Amino acid sequence: MALNSEQLAKDIEAAMQAKGFDPLANKAAGHDWWLAFAEGIVNHITQNAEVPVTSGSSAGAYKVT
């Protein structure tokens, strides 16, 4: 699955709304803030995540792309 910061931002907003928050209210941060937040998460994962393969001829750690 490819990581998508726009979809992640929308998912965060929807989860917050489901819990009774209004993340896009007039005095709230707004979608651009949530998008920047999501981009930071996606960047961190893609830059640092590794998948361990513990057996077989492909054993080793592989970077998530």
Protein backbone atom coordinates (compact mmCIF):
# COMPACT_ATOMS: atom_id res chain seq x y z
CA MET A 1 0.00 0.00 0.00
CA ALA A 2 1.37 3.39 -0.94
CA LEU A 3 1.34 6.05 1.76
CA ASN A 4 -0.78 9.07 0.86
CA SER A 5 -0.56 12.15 3.07
CA GLU A 6 -3.74 13.72 1.65
CA GLN A 7 -5.75 10.61 2.51
CA LEU A 8 -4.07 10.34 5.91
CA ALA A 9 -5.04 13.96 6.68
CA LYS A 10 -8.66 13.22 5.71
CA ASP A 11 -8.65 10.05 7.81
CA ILE A 12 -7.31 11.97 10.83
CA GLU A 13 -9.97 14.66 10.36
CA ALA A 14 -12.72 12.01 10.07
CA ALA A 15 -11.49 10.17 13.17
CA MET A 16 -11.46 13.43 15.13
CA GLN A 17 -14.98 14.27 13.97
CA ALA A 18 -16.16 10.79 14.99
CA LYS A 19 -14.87 11.55 18.52
CA GLY A 20 -16.76 14.85 18.66
CA PHE A 21 -14.00 17.27 17.64
CA ASP A 22 -14.29 19.76 14.79
CA PRO A 23 -10.77 19.86 13.30
CA LEU A 24 -11.82 22.21 10.49
CA ALA A 25 -13.77 24.71 12.61
CA ASN A 26 -13.24 28.42 12.08
CA LYS A 27 -10.69 28.68 14.92
CA ALA A 28 -9.15 25.25 14.34
CA ALA A 29 -5.96 24.62 12.42
CA GLY A 30 -7.72 23.69 9.17
CA HIS A 31 -7.01 21.12 6.50
CA ASP A 32 -3.61 22.56 5.52
CA TRP A 33 -2.38 22.03 9.09
CA TRP A 34 -3.62 18.42 9.10
CA LEU A 35 -2.06 17.85 5.69
CA ALA A 36 1.31 19.12 6.96
CA PHE A 37 0.92 16.88 10.02
CA ALA A 38 0.18 13.87 7.80
CA GLU A 39 3.09 14.68 5.46
CA GLY A 40 5.43 14.67 8.44
CA ILE A 41 4.19 11.21 9.45
CA VAL A 42 4.45 9.83 5.91
CA ASN A 43 7.96 11.30 5.46
CA HIS A 44 9.14 9.85 8.74
CA ILE A 45 7.83 6.38 7.85
CA THR A 46 9.23 6.36 4.32
CA GLN A 47 12.64 7.64 5.46
CA ASN A 48 13.07 5.33 8.45
CA ALA A 49 10.92 2.20 8.14
CA GLU A 50 12.46 -1.17 7.41
CA VAL A 51 10.86 -4.55 6.85
CA PRO A 52 12.74 -7.51 8.32
CA VAL A 53 12.80 -10.72 6.28
CA THR A 54 13.96 -13.37 8.70
CA SER A 55 14.47 -16.39 6.49
CA GLY A 56 15.11 -17.56 2.97
CA SER A 57 17.43 -16.27 0.30
CA SER A 58 16.02 -12.75 0.75
CA ALA A 59 16.80 -12.56 4.48
CA GLY A 60 17.74 -9.12 5.67
CA ALA A 61 16.20 -5.71 6.33
CA TYR A 62 14.66 -3.76 3.48
CA LYS A 63 13.79 -0.07 3.37
CA VAL A 64 10.14 0.84 2.90
CA THR A 65 9.62 2.88 -0.28
